[in-house]
PDB file of N, CA and C in Angstrom:
ATOM      1  N   MET A   1     125.775 -15.096  49.856  1.00  0.00           N
ATOM      2  CA  MET A   1     126.344 -14.724  48.351  1.00  0.00           C
ATOM      3  C   MET A   1     125.927 -13.190  48.134  1.00  0.00           C
ATOM      4  N   LYS A   2     126.913 -12.677  47.709  1.00  0.00           N
ATOM      5  CA  LYS A   2     126.860 -11.067  47.499  1.00  0.00           C
ATOM      6  C   LYS A   2     125.853 -10.895  46.265  1.00  0.00           C
ATOM      7  N   GLU A   3     124.902  -9.940  46.709  1.00  0.00           N
ATOM      8  CA  GLU A   3     123.833  -9.385  45.772  1.00  0.00           C
ATOM      9  C   GLU A   3     124.583  -8.563  44.795  1.00  0.00           C
ATOM     10  N   LYS A   4     124.184  -8.648  43.328  1.00  0.00           N
ATOM     11  CA  LYS A   4     124.812  -7.852  42.397  1.00  0.00           C
ATOM     12  C   LYS A   4     124.318  -6.338  42.490  1.00  0.00           C
ATOM     13  N   ASN A   5     125.090  -5.263  42.137  1.00  0.00           N
ATOM     14  CA  ASN A   5     124.606  -4.057  42.052  1.00  0.00           C
ATOM     15  C   ASN A   5     123.686  -3.751  40.786  1.00  0.00           C
ATOM     16  N   HIS A   6     122.712  -2.940  40.850  1.00  0.00           N
ATOM     17  CA  HIS A   6     121.842  -2.678  39.592  1.00  0.00           C
ATOM     18  C   HIS A   6     122.587  -1.390  39.155  1.00  0.00           C
ATOM     19  N   TYR A   7     122.712  -1.127  38.017  1.00  0.00           N
ATOM     20  CA  TYR A   7     123.392   0.183  37.614  1.00  0.00           C
ATOM     21  C   TYR A   7     122.229   0.792  36.749  1.00  0.00           C
ATOM     22  N   SER A   8     122.156   2.014  37.095  1.00  0.00           N
ATOM     23  CA  SER A   8     120.899   2.881  36.470  1.00  0.00           C
ATOM     24  C   SER A   8     121.754   4.148  35.724  1.00  0.00           C
ATOM     25  N   LEU A   9     121.539   4.055  34.484  1.00  0.00           N
ATOM     26  CA  LEU A   9     122.408   5.161  33.767  1.00  0.00           C
ATOM     27  C   LEU A   9     121.236   6.143  32.913  1.00  0.00           C
ATOM     28  N   LYS A  10     121.570   7.205  32.914  1.00  0.00           N
ATOM     29  CA  LYS A  10     121.052   8.278  31.804  1.00  0.00           C
ATOM     30  C   LYS A  10     121.995   8.861  30.898  1.00  0.00           C
ATOM     31  N   LEU A  11     121.634   8.728  29.760  1.00  0.00           N
ATOM     32  CA  LEU A  11     122.533   9.116  28.586  1.00  0.00           C
ATOM     33  C   LEU A  11     121.736  10.381  28.072  1.00  0.00           C
ATOM     34  N   TYR A  12     122.383  11.714  28.129  1.00  0.00           N
ATOM     35  CA  TYR A  12     121.724  12.792  27.427  1.00  0.00           C
ATOM     36  C   TYR A  12     122.447  13.122  26.294  1.00  0.00           C
ATOM     37  N   VAL A  13     121.658  13.358  24.961  1.00  0.00           N
ATOM     38  CA  VAL A  13     122.278  13.389  23.768  1.00  0.00           C
ATOM     39  C   VAL A  13     121.535  14.677  23.045  1.00  0.00           C
ATOM     40  N   THR A  14     122.412  15.325  22.019  1.00  0.00           N
ATOM     41  CA  THR A  14     121.497  16.306  21.325  1.00  0.00           C
ATOM     42  C   THR A  14     121.128  15.679  19.858  1.00  0.00           C
ATOM     43  N   GLY A  15     120.138  15.102  19.775  1.00  0.00           N
ATOM     44  CA  GLY A  15     119.689  14.415  18.481  1.00  0.00           C
ATOM     45  C   GLY A  15     120.119  13.234  18.586  1.00  0.00           C
ATOM     46  N   LEU A  16     119.453  12.505  17.597  1.00  0.00           N
ATOM     47  CA  LEU A  16     119.811  10.899  17.354  1.00  0.00           C
ATOM     48  C   LEU A  16     120.480  10.731  15.999  1.00  0.00           C
ATOM     49  N   SER A  17     121.637  11.336  15.856  1.00  0.00           N
ATOM     50  CA  SER A  17     122.373  11.035  14.442  1.00  0.00           C
ATOM     51  C   SER A  17     122.645   9.600  14.368  1.00  0.00           C
ATOM     52  N   PRO A  18     123.037   9.070  13.253  1.00  0.00           N
ATOM     53  CA  PRO A  18     123.483   7.716  13.041  1.00  0.00           C
ATOM     54  C   PRO A  18     124.730   7.576  13.891  1.00  0.00           C
ATOM     55  N   ALA A  19     125.649   8.676  14.041  1.00  0.00           N
ATOM     56  CA  ALA A  19     126.910   8.325  15.003  1.00  0.00           C
ATOM     57  C   ALA A  19     126.446   7.971  16.392  1.00  0.00           C
ATOM     58  N   VAL A  20     125.543   8.876  16.964  1.00  0.00           N
ATOM     59  CA  VAL A  20     124.924   8.703  18.334  1.00  0.00           C
ATOM     60  C   VAL A  20     124.206   7.268  18.484  1.00  0.00           C
ATOM     61  N   ARG A  21     123.520   6.957  17.337  1.00  0.00           N
ATOM     62  CA  ARG A  21     122.573   5.568  17.383  1.00  0.00           C
ATOM     63  C   ARG A  21     123.777   4.559  17.422  1.00  0.00           C
ATOM     64  N   ASP A  22     124.872   4.678  16.736  1.00  0.00           N
ATOM     65  CA  ASP A  22     125.914   3.687  16.662  1.00  0.00           C
ATOM     66  C   ASP A  22     126.423   3.614  18.118  1.00  0.00           C
ATOM     67  N   TYR A  23     126.879   4.772  18.676  1.00  0.00           N
ATOM     68  CA  TYR A  23     127.446   4.711  20.031  1.00  0.00           C
ATOM     69  C   TYR A  23     126.507   4.026  21.019  1.00  0.00           C
ATOM     70  N   ILE A  24     125.211   4.329  20.854  1.00  0.00           N
ATOM     71  CA  ILE A  24     124.274   3.857  22.014  1.00  0.00           C
ATOM     72  C   ILE A  24     124.219   2.302  21.830  1.00  0.00           C
ATOM     73  N   LYS A  25     124.358   1.691  20.625  1.00  0.00           N
ATOM     74  CA  LYS A  25     124.386   0.378  20.457  1.00  0.00           C
ATOM     75  C   LYS A  25     125.654  -0.321  20.788  1.00  0.00           C
ATOM     76  N   GLU A  26     126.692   0.255  20.693  1.00  0.00           N
ATOM     77  CA  GLU A  26     127.939  -0.166  21.129  1.00  0.00           C
ATOM     78  C   GLU A  26     128.122  -0.010  22.739  1.00  0.00           C
ATOM     79  N   LEU A  27     127.515   1.086  23.027  1.00  0.00           N
ATOM     80  CA  LEU A  27     127.714   1.176  24.637  1.00  0.00           C
ATOM     81  C   LEU A  27     126.792   0.020  25.216  1.00  0.00           C
ATOM     82  N   GLU A  28     125.526  -0.153  24.740  1.00  0.00           N
ATOM     83  CA  GLU A  28     124.544  -1.214  25.448  1.00  0.00           C
ATOM     84  C   GLU A  28     125.328  -2.675  25.287  1.00  0.00           C
ATOM     85  N   GLU A  29     125.946  -2.841  24.057  1.00  0.00           N
ATOM     86  CA  GLU A  29     126.599  -4.091  23.882  1.00  0.00           C
ATOM     87  C   GLU A  29     127.776  -4.453  25.198  1.00  0.00           C
ATOM     88  N   VAL A  30     128.414  -3.210  25.450  1.00  0.00           N
ATOM     89  CA  VAL A  30     129.618  -3.226  26.468  1.00  0.00           C
ATOM     90  C   VAL A  30     128.774  -3.632  27.802  1.00  0.00           C
ATOM     91  N   LEU A  31     127.839  -2.709  28.110  1.00  0.00           N
ATOM     92  CA  LEU A  31     127.162  -2.816  29.359  1.00  0.00           C
ATOM     93  C   LEU A  31     126.512  -4.148  29.615  1.00  0.00           C
ATOM     94  N   THR A  32     125.949  -4.682  28.538  1.00  0.00           N
ATOM     95  CA  THR A  32     125.429  -6.105  28.477  1.00  0.00           C
ATOM     96  C   THR A  32     126.504  -7.161  28.864  1.00  0.00           C
ATOM     97  N   ARG A  33     127.669  -7.020  28.283  1.00  0.00           N
ATOM     98  CA  ARG A  33     128.722  -7.882  28.533  1.00  0.00           C
ATOM     99  C   ARG A  33     129.118  -7.844  29.943  1.00  0.00           C
ATOM    100  N   LYS A  34     129.246  -6.579  30.471  1.00  0.00           N
ATOM    101  CA  LYS A  34     129.719  -6.408  31.743  1.00  0.00           C
ATOM    102  C   LYS A  34     128.677  -6.825  32.800  1.00  0.00           C
ATOM    103  N   PHE A  35     127.460  -6.299  32.760  1.00  0.00           N
ATOM    104  CA  PHE A  35     126.518  -6.478  33.750  1.00  0.00           C
ATOM    105  C   PHE A  35     125.337  -7.325  33.500  1.00  0.00           C
ATOM    106  N   GLY A  36     125.150  -7.819  32.189  1.00  0.00           N
ATOM    107  CA  GLY A  36     124.161  -8.732  31.946  1.00  0.00           C
ATOM    108  C   GLY A  36     122.658  -7.721  32.160  1.00  0.00           C
ATOM    109  N   GLU A  37     121.769  -8.320  32.984  1.00  0.00           N
ATOM    110  CA  GLU A  37     120.536  -7.820  33.221  1.00  0.00           C
ATOM    111  C   GLU A  37     120.634  -6.776  34.145  1.00  0.00           C
ATOM    112  N   TYR A  38     121.649  -6.400  34.865  1.00  0.00           N
ATOM    113  CA  TYR A  38     121.754  -5.702  35.892  1.00  0.00           C
ATOM    114  C   TYR A  38     121.919  -4.367  35.818  1.00  0.00           C
ATOM    115  N   TYR A  39     121.420  -3.630  34.693  1.00  0.00           N
ATOM    116  CA  TYR A  39     121.586  -2.475  34.393  1.00  0.00           C
ATOM    117  C   TYR A  39     120.397  -1.774  33.423  1.00  0.00           C
ATOM    118  N   ASP A  40     120.062  -0.538  33.356  1.00  0.00           N
ATOM    119  CA  ASP A  40     119.189   0.130  32.720  1.00  0.00           C
ATOM    120  C   ASP A  40     119.791   1.340  31.997  1.00  0.00           C
ATOM    121  N   LEU A  41     119.529   1.796  30.973  1.00  0.00           N
ATOM    122  CA  LEU A  41     120.228   2.969  30.300  1.00  0.00           C
ATOM    123  C   LEU A  41     119.032   3.636  29.600  1.00  0.00           C
ATOM    124  N   GLU A  42     118.742   4.818  30.192  1.00  0.00           N
ATOM    125  CA  GLU A  42     117.699   5.661  29.522  1.00  0.00           C
ATOM    126  C   GLU A  42     118.272   6.666  28.674  1.00  0.00           C
ATOM    127  N   VAL A  43     118.102   6.826  27.563  1.00  0.00           N
ATOM    128  CA  VAL A  43     118.439   7.818  26.519  1.00  0.00           C
ATOM    129  C   VAL A  43     117.708   8.953  26.310  1.00  0.00           C
ATOM    130  N   ILE A  44     118.158  10.293  26.435  1.00  0.00           N
ATOM    131  CA  ILE A  44     117.268  11.482  26.616  1.00  0.00           C
ATOM    132  C   ILE A  44     117.721  12.337  25.735  1.00  0.00           C
ATOM    133  N   ASP A  45     116.950  12.754  24.572  1.00  0.00           N
ATOM    134  CA  ASP A  45     117.350  13.517  23.591  1.00  0.00           C
ATOM    135  C   ASP A  45     117.020  15.092  24.060  1.00  0.00           C
ATOM    136  N   VAL A  46     117.765  15.876  24.332  1.00  0.00           N
ATOM    137  CA  VAL A  46     117.587  17.089  25.043  1.00  0.00           C
ATOM    138  C   VAL A  46     116.752  17.993  24.005  1.00  0.00           C
ATOM    139  N   LEU A  47     116.873  17.848  22.753  1.00  0.00           N
ATOM    140  CA  LEU A  47     115.833  18.565  21.906  1.00  0.00           C
ATOM    141  C   LEU A  47     114.761  18.369  22.082  1.00  0.00           C
ATOM    142  N   VAL A  48     114.273  17.086  22.373  1.00  0.00           N
ATOM    143  CA  VAL A  48     112.746  16.677  22.656  1.00  0.00           C
ATOM    144  C   VAL A  48     112.482  16.890  24.024  1.00  0.00           C
ATOM    145  N   ARG A  49     113.193  16.576  24.919  1.00  0.00           N
ATOM    146  CA  ARG A  49     112.990  16.719  26.556  1.00  0.00           C
ATOM    147  C   ARG A  49     114.076  17.776  27.112  1.00  0.00           C
ATOM    148  N   PRO A  50     113.976  18.982  26.791  1.00  0.00           N
ATOM    149  CA  PRO A  50     115.111  19.947  27.439  1.00  0.00           C
ATOM    150  C   PRO A  50     114.875  20.150  28.876  1.00  0.00           C
ATOM    151  N   GLU A  51     113.609  19.911  29.411  1.00  0.00           N
ATOM    152  CA  GLU A  51     113.424  20.208  30.924  1.00  0.00           C
ATOM    153  C   GLU A  51     114.114  19.101  31.655  1.00  0.00           C
ATOM    154  N   LEU A  52     114.198  17.868  31.228  1.00  0.00           N
ATOM    155  CA  LEU A  52     114.780  16.941  31.966  1.00  0.00           C
ATOM    156  C   LEU A  52     116.544  17.188  32.002  1.00  0.00           C
ATOM    157  N   ALA A  53     117.040  17.872  30.846  1.00  0.00           N
ATOM    158  CA  ALA A  53     118.226  18.228  30.921  1.00  0.00           C
ATOM    159  C   ALA A  53     118.524  19.409  31.942  1.00  0.00           C
ATOM    160  N   GLU A  54     117.804  20.345  31.987  1.00  0.00           N
ATOM    161  CA  GLU A  54     117.712  21.440  32.897  1.00  0.00           C
ATOM    162  C   GLU A  54     117.699  20.884  34.224  1.00  0.00           C
ATOM    163  N   GLY A  55     116.830  19.782  34.704  1.00  0.00           N
ATOM    164  CA  GLY A  55     116.648  19.286  35.936  1.00  0.00           C
ATOM    165  C   GLY A  55     117.878  18.616  36.293  1.00  0.00           C
ATOM    166  N   GLU A  56     118.590  18.068  35.587  1.00  0.00           N
ATOM    167  CA  GLU A  56     120.000  17.646  36.006  1.00  0.00           C
ATOM    168  C   GLU A  56     121.224  18.325  35.663  1.00  0.00           C
ATOM    169  N   ARG A  57     120.961  19.615  35.261  1.00  0.00           N
ATOM    170  CA  ARG A  57     122.118  20.479  35.200  1.00  0.00           C
ATOM    171  C   ARG A  57     123.119  20.176  34.117  1.00  0.00           C
ATOM    172  N   ILE A  58     122.458  19.614  33.025  1.00  0.00           N
ATOM    173  CA  ILE A  58     123.172  19.194  31.919  1.00  0.00           C
ATOM    174  C   ILE A  58     123.571  20.284  31.051  1.00  0.00           C
ATOM    175  N   PHE A  59     124.835  20.655  30.856  1.00  0.00           N
ATOM    176  CA  PHE A  59     125.175  21.815  29.978  1.00  0.00           C
ATOM    177  C   PHE A  59     126.060  21.576  28.766  1.00  0.00           C
ATOM    178  N   ALA A  60     126.473  20.360  28.592  1.00  0.00           N
ATOM    179  CA  ALA A  60     126.818  19.828  27.389  1.00  0.00           C
ATOM    180  C   ALA A  60     126.660  18.295  27.137  1.00  0.00           C
ATOM    181  N   THR A  61     126.652  18.110  25.918  1.00  0.00           N
ATOM    182  CA  THR A  61     126.126  16.477  25.525  1.00  0.00           C
ATOM    183  C   THR A  61     127.170  16.159  24.612  1.00  0.00           C
ATOM    184  N   PRO A  62     127.341  14.800  24.488  1.00  0.00           N
ATOM    185  CA  PRO A  62     126.576  13.924  25.330  1.00  0.00           C
ATOM    186  C   PRO A  62     127.201  13.880  26.761  1.00  0.00           C
ATOM    187  N   THR A  63     126.334  13.683  27.641  1.00  0.00           N
ATOM    188  CA  THR A  63     126.720  13.359  28.885  1.00  0.00           C
ATOM    189  C   THR A  63     126.026  12.066  29.604  1.00  0.00           C
ATOM    190  N   ILE A  64     126.613  11.272  30.278  1.00  0.00           N
ATOM    191  CA  ILE A  64     126.109  10.213  30.905  1.00  0.00           C
ATOM    192  C   ILE A  64     126.087  10.317  32.474  1.00  0.00           C
ATOM    193  N   ILE A  65     125.058   9.866  32.983  1.00  0.00           N
ATOM    194  CA  ILE A  65     124.865   9.920  34.571  1.00  0.00           C
ATOM    195  C   ILE A  65     124.637   8.717  35.201  1.00  0.00           C
ATOM    196  N   ARG A  66     125.443   8.177  36.023  1.00  0.00           N
ATOM    197  CA  ARG A  66     125.365   7.041  36.787  1.00  0.00           C
ATOM    198  C   ARG A  66     124.467   7.383  38.100  1.00  0.00           C
ATOM    199  N   LYS A  67     123.040   6.899  38.106  1.00  0.00           N
ATOM    200  CA  LYS A  67     122.359   7.420  39.212  1.00  0.00           C
ATOM    201  C   LYS A  67     122.567   6.322  40.226  1.00  0.00           C
ATOM    202  N   LEU A  68     122.776   5.072  39.923  1.00  0.00           N
ATOM    203  CA  LEU A  68     122.786   3.989  40.875  1.00  0.00           C
ATOM    204  C   LEU A  68     123.895   3.157  40.483  1.00  0.00           C
ATOM    205  N   PRO A  69     124.684   2.323  41.327  1.00  0.00           N
ATOM    206  CA  PRO A  69     124.718   2.724  42.743  1.00  0.00           C
ATOM    207  C   PRO A  69     125.429   4.189  43.046  1.00  0.00           C
ATOM    208  N   GLU A  70     124.984   4.683  44.134  1.00  0.00           N
ATOM    209  CA  GLU A  70     125.303   5.914  44.627  1.00  0.00           C
ATOM    210  C   GLU A  70     126.962   5.762  44.913  1.00  0.00           C
ATOM    211  N   PRO A  71     127.638   6.799  44.986  1.00  0.00           N
ATOM    212  CA  PRO A  71     127.288   8.355  44.550  1.00  0.00           C
ATOM    213  C   PRO A  71     127.028   8.388  43.168  1.00  0.00           C
ATOM    214  N   VAL A  72     126.159   9.375  42.819  1.00  0.00           N
ATOM    215  CA  VAL A  72     126.026   9.803  41.432  1.00  0.00           C
ATOM    216  C   VAL A  72     127.132  10.419  40.772  1.00  0.00           C
ATOM    217  N   LYS A  73     127.560   9.861  39.492  1.00  0.00           N
ATOM    218  CA  LYS A  73     128.616  10.444  38.756  1.00  0.00           C
ATOM    219  C   LYS A  73     128.002  10.859  37.321  1.00  0.00           C
ATOM    220  N   LYS A  74     128.752  12.030  36.954  1.00  0.00           N
ATOM    221  CA  LYS A  74     128.501  12.718  35.653  1.00  0.00           C
ATOM    222  C   LYS A  74     129.756  12.552  35.138  1.00  0.00           C
ATOM    223  N   VAL A  75     129.646  12.168  33.702  1.00  0.00           N
ATOM    224  CA  VAL A  75     130.806  12.303  32.643  1.00  0.00           C
ATOM    225  C   VAL A  75     130.245  12.761  31.362  1.00  0.00           C
ATOM    226  N   ILE A  76     130.988  13.961  30.814  1.00  0.00           N
ATOM    227  CA  ILE A  76     130.664  14.452  29.648  1.00  0.00           C
ATOM    228  C   ILE A  76     131.462  13.333  28.527  1.00  0.00           C
ATOM    229  N   LEU A  77     130.922  12.991  27.619  1.00  0.00           N
ATOM    230  CA  LEU A  77     131.437  11.869  26.848  1.00  0.00           C
ATOM    231  C   LEU A  77     132.416  12.176  25.616  1.00  0.00           C
ATOM    232  N   ASP A  78     133.274  11.388  25.248  1.00  0.00           N
ATOM    233  CA  ASP A  78     133.941  11.402  24.138  1.00  0.00           C
ATOM    234  C   ASP A  78     133.483  10.107  23.383  1.00  0.00           C
ATOM    235  N   LEU A  79     132.664  10.492  22.158  1.00  0.00           N
ATOM    236  CA  LEU A  79     132.007   9.405  21.585  1.00  0.00           C
ATOM    237  C   LEU A  79     133.079   8.158  21.005  1.00  0.00           C
ATOM    238  N   ARG A  80     134.298   8.432  21.172  1.00  0.00           N
ATOM    239  CA  ARG A  80     135.398   7.599  20.533  1.00  0.00           C
ATOM    240  C   ARG A  80     135.741   6.676  21.597  1.00  0.00           C
ATOM    241  N   SER A  81     135.532   6.887  22.902  1.00  0.00           N
ATOM    242  CA  SER A  81     136.109   6.022  23.966  1.00  0.00           C
ATOM    243  C   SER A  81     135.234   5.521  25.037  1.00  0.00           C
ATOM    244  N   LYS A  82     134.618   4.338  24.696  1.00  0.00           N
ATOM    245  CA  LYS A  82     133.756   3.954  25.690  1.00  0.00           C
ATOM    246  C   LYS A  82     134.395   3.368  26.972  1.00  0.00           C
ATOM    247  N   GLU A  83     135.563   2.832  26.750  1.00  0.00           N
ATOM    248  CA  GLU A  83     136.469   2.673  27.958  1.00  0.00           C
ATOM    249  C   GLU A  83     136.580   3.719  28.866  1.00  0.00           C
ATOM    250  N   ARG A  84     136.817   5.025  28.490  1.00  0.00           N
ATOM    251  CA  ARG A  84     136.952   6.104  29.278  1.00  0.00           C
ATOM    252  C   ARG A  84     135.513   6.432  30.206  1.00  0.00           C
ATOM    253  N   VAL A  85     134.688   6.020  29.432  1.00  0.00           N
ATOM    254  CA  VAL A  85     133.382   6.497  29.885  1.00  0.00           C
ATOM    255  C   VAL A  85     133.095   5.499  31.178  1.00  0.00           C
ATOM    256  N   LEU A  86     133.383   4.172  30.927  1.00  0.00           N
ATOM    257  CA  LEU A  86     133.117   3.181  31.888  1.00  0.00           C
ATOM    258  C   LEU A  86     133.952   3.579  33.191  1.00  0.00           C
ATOM    259  N   ILE A  87     135.444   3.842  32.863  1.00  0.00           N
ATOM    260  CA  ILE A  87     136.298   4.060  33.925  1.00  0.00           C
ATOM    261  C   ILE A  87     135.763   5.337  34.748  1.00  0.00           C
ATOM    262  N   GLY A  88     135.301   6.416  34.174  1.00  0.00           N
ATOM    263  CA  GLY A  88     134.933   7.617  34.788  1.00  0.00           C
ATOM    264  C   GLY A  88     133.776   7.422  35.694  1.00  0.00           C
ATOM    265  N   LEU A  89     132.868   6.439  35.187  1.00  0.00           N
ATOM    266  CA  LEU A  89     131.747   6.267  36.025  1.00  0.00           C
ATOM    267  C   LEU A  89     132.083   5.196  36.960  1.00  0.00           C
ATOM    268  N   ASP A  90     133.316   4.698  37.245  1.00  0.00           N
ATOM    269  CA  ASP A  90     133.443   3.530  38.154  1.00  0.00           C
ATOM    270  C   ASP A  90     132.787   2.181  37.850  1.00  0.00           C
ATOM    271  N   LEU A  91     132.509   2.080  36.456  1.00  0.00           N
ATOM    272  CA  LEU A  91     131.912   0.814  36.116  1.00  0.00           C
ATOM    273  C   LEU A  91     132.950  -0.258  35.874  1.00  0.00           C
ATOM    274  N   ILE A  92     134.040  -0.014  35.521  1.00  0.00           N
ATOM    275  CA  ILE A  92     135.153  -0.910  35.396  1.00  0.00           C
ATOM    276  C   ILE A  92     136.419  -0.111  36.230  1.00  0.00           C
ATOM    277  N   GLU A  93     137.281  -1.032  36.733  1.00  0.00           N
ATOM    278  CA  GLU A  93     138.437  -0.486  37.403  1.00  0.00           C
ATOM    279  C   GLU A  93     139.414  -0.171  36.467  1.00  0.00           C
ATOM    280  N   ILE A  94     140.182   0.760  36.597  1.00  0.00           N
ATOM    281  CA  ILE A  94     141.182   1.045  35.747  1.00  0.00           C
ATOM    282  C   ILE A  94     142.349   0.077  35.644  1.00  0.00           C
ATOM    283  N   LYS A  95     142.347  -0.707  36.902  1.00  0.00           N
ATOM    284  CA  LYS A  95     143.495  -1.760  36.889  1.00  0.00           C
ATOM    285  C   LYS A  95     142.997  -2.938  35.928  1.00  0.00           C
ATOM    286  N   ASP A  96     141.689  -3.072  35.824  1.00  0.00           N
ATOM    287  CA  ASP A  96     141.186  -3.986  35.125  1.00  0.00           C
ATOM    288  C   ASP A  96     141.535  -3.966  33.662  1.00  0.00           C
ATOM    289  N   LYS A  97     141.437  -2.572  32.977  1.00  0.00           N
ATOM    290  CA  LYS A  97     141.593  -2.130  31.872  1.00  0.00           C
ATOM    291  C   LYS A  97     143.207  -2.360  31.660  1.00  0.00           C
ATOM    292  N   ILE A  98     144.006  -1.782  32.508  1.00  0.00           N
ATOM    293  CA  ILE A  98     145.426  -2.051  32.501  1.00  0.00           C
ATOM    294  C   ILE A  98     145.916  -3.460  32.188  1.00  0.00           C
ATOM    295  N   SER A  99     145.202  -4.406  33.059  1.00  0.00           N
ATOM    296  CA  SER A  99     145.477  -5.704  32.776  1.00  0.00           C
ATOM    297  C   SER A  99     145.263  -6.195  31.373  1.00  0.00           C
ATOM    298  N   GLN A 100     143.936  -5.943  31.020  1.00  0.00           N
ATOM    299  CA  GLN A 100     143.587  -6.353  29.605  1.00  0.00           C
ATOM    300  C   GLN A 100     144.510  -5.819  28.572  1.00  0.00           C
ATOM    301  N   LEU A 101     144.877  -4.629  28.827  1.00  0.00           N
ATOM    302  CA  LEU A 101     146.000  -4.021  27.793  1.00  0.00           C
ATOM    303  C   LEU A 101     147.187  -4.699  27.736  1.00  0.00           C
ATOM    304  N   MET A 102     147.652  -4.927  29.021  1.00  0.00           N
ATOM    305  CA  MET A 102     148.893  -5.887  29.257  1.00  0.00           C
ATOM    306  C   MET A 102     148.744  -7.210  28.704  1.00  0.00           C
ATOM    307  N   GLU A 103     147.688  -7.849  28.664  1.00  0.00           N
ATOM    308  CA  GLU A 103     147.499  -9.061  28.107  1.00  0.00           C
ATOM    309  C   GLU A 103     147.616  -9.114  26.697  1.00  0.00           C
ATOM    310  N   GLU A 104     146.861  -7.970  25.884  1.00  0.00           N
ATOM    311  CA  GLU A 104     146.758  -7.872  24.601  1.00  0.00           C
ATOM    312  C   GLU A 104     148.078  -7.659  24.110  1.00  0.00           C
ATOM    313  N   MET A 105     149.145  -7.044  24.782  1.00  0.00           N
ATOM    314  CA  MET A 105     150.463  -6.677  24.336  1.00  0.00           C
ATOM    315  C   MET A 105     151.442  -7.759  24.545  1.00  0.00           C
ATOM    316  N   SER A 106     151.248  -8.610  25.311  1.00  0.00           N
ATOM    317  CA  SER A 106     151.924  -9.894  25.680  1.00  0.00           C
ATOM    318  C   SER A 106     152.366 -10.630  24.388  1.00  0.00           C
ATOM    319  N   VAL A 107     153.554 -11.072  24.516  1.00  0.00           N
ATOM    320  CA  VAL A 107     153.948 -11.855  23.199  1.00  0.00           C
ATOM    321  C   VAL A 107     154.195 -13.462  23.844  1.00  0.00           C
ATOM    322  N   GLU A 108     153.884 -14.263  23.206  1.00  0.00           N
ATOM    323  CA  GLU A 108     154.017 -15.702  23.733  1.00  0.00           C
ATOM    324  C   GLU A 108     155.447 -15.981  23.537  1.00  0.00           C
ATOM    325  N   PRO A 109     156.234 -16.611  24.642  1.00  0.00           N
ATOM    326  CA  PRO A 109     157.402 -17.081  24.599  1.00  0.00           C
ATOM    327  C   PRO A 109     157.801 -17.897  23.414  1.00  0.00           C
ATOM    328  N   LYS A 110     158.873 -17.571  22.698  1.00  0.00           N
ATOM    329  CA  LYS A 110     159.307 -18.566  21.647  1.00  0.00           C
ATOM    330  C   LYS A 110     159.912 -19.845  22.289  1.00  0.00           C
ATOM    331  N   GLY A 111     159.574 -20.955  21.653  1.00  0.00           N
ATOM    332  CA  GLY A 111     159.985 -22.237  22.381  1.00  0.00           C
ATOM    333  C   GLY A 111     160.474 -23.357  21.348  1.00  0.00           C
TER     334      GLY A 111
END
């Protein structure tokens, strides 16, 4: 039986505005649906912990880093598109997203 990967993610934000809080909640919901208990997400406010951002060489926020599984990947986020983030971090395959979109666009045959 293949062992599931554990995903370790760090999200760097500048402040915890309502929009950022909503984004975090939605991102956690997507990650839970996709990975269940096999992920952890650490949210780091660079206004509170600037040394952590400096250590990771974070120059823009919001930025998310996939630490595990390796290789490490960084993506500067667009808070409007969680799917782009997941694809950019190799958390979902682009072919899976295309298949999902094709399914959503398909029309039942008339009969």
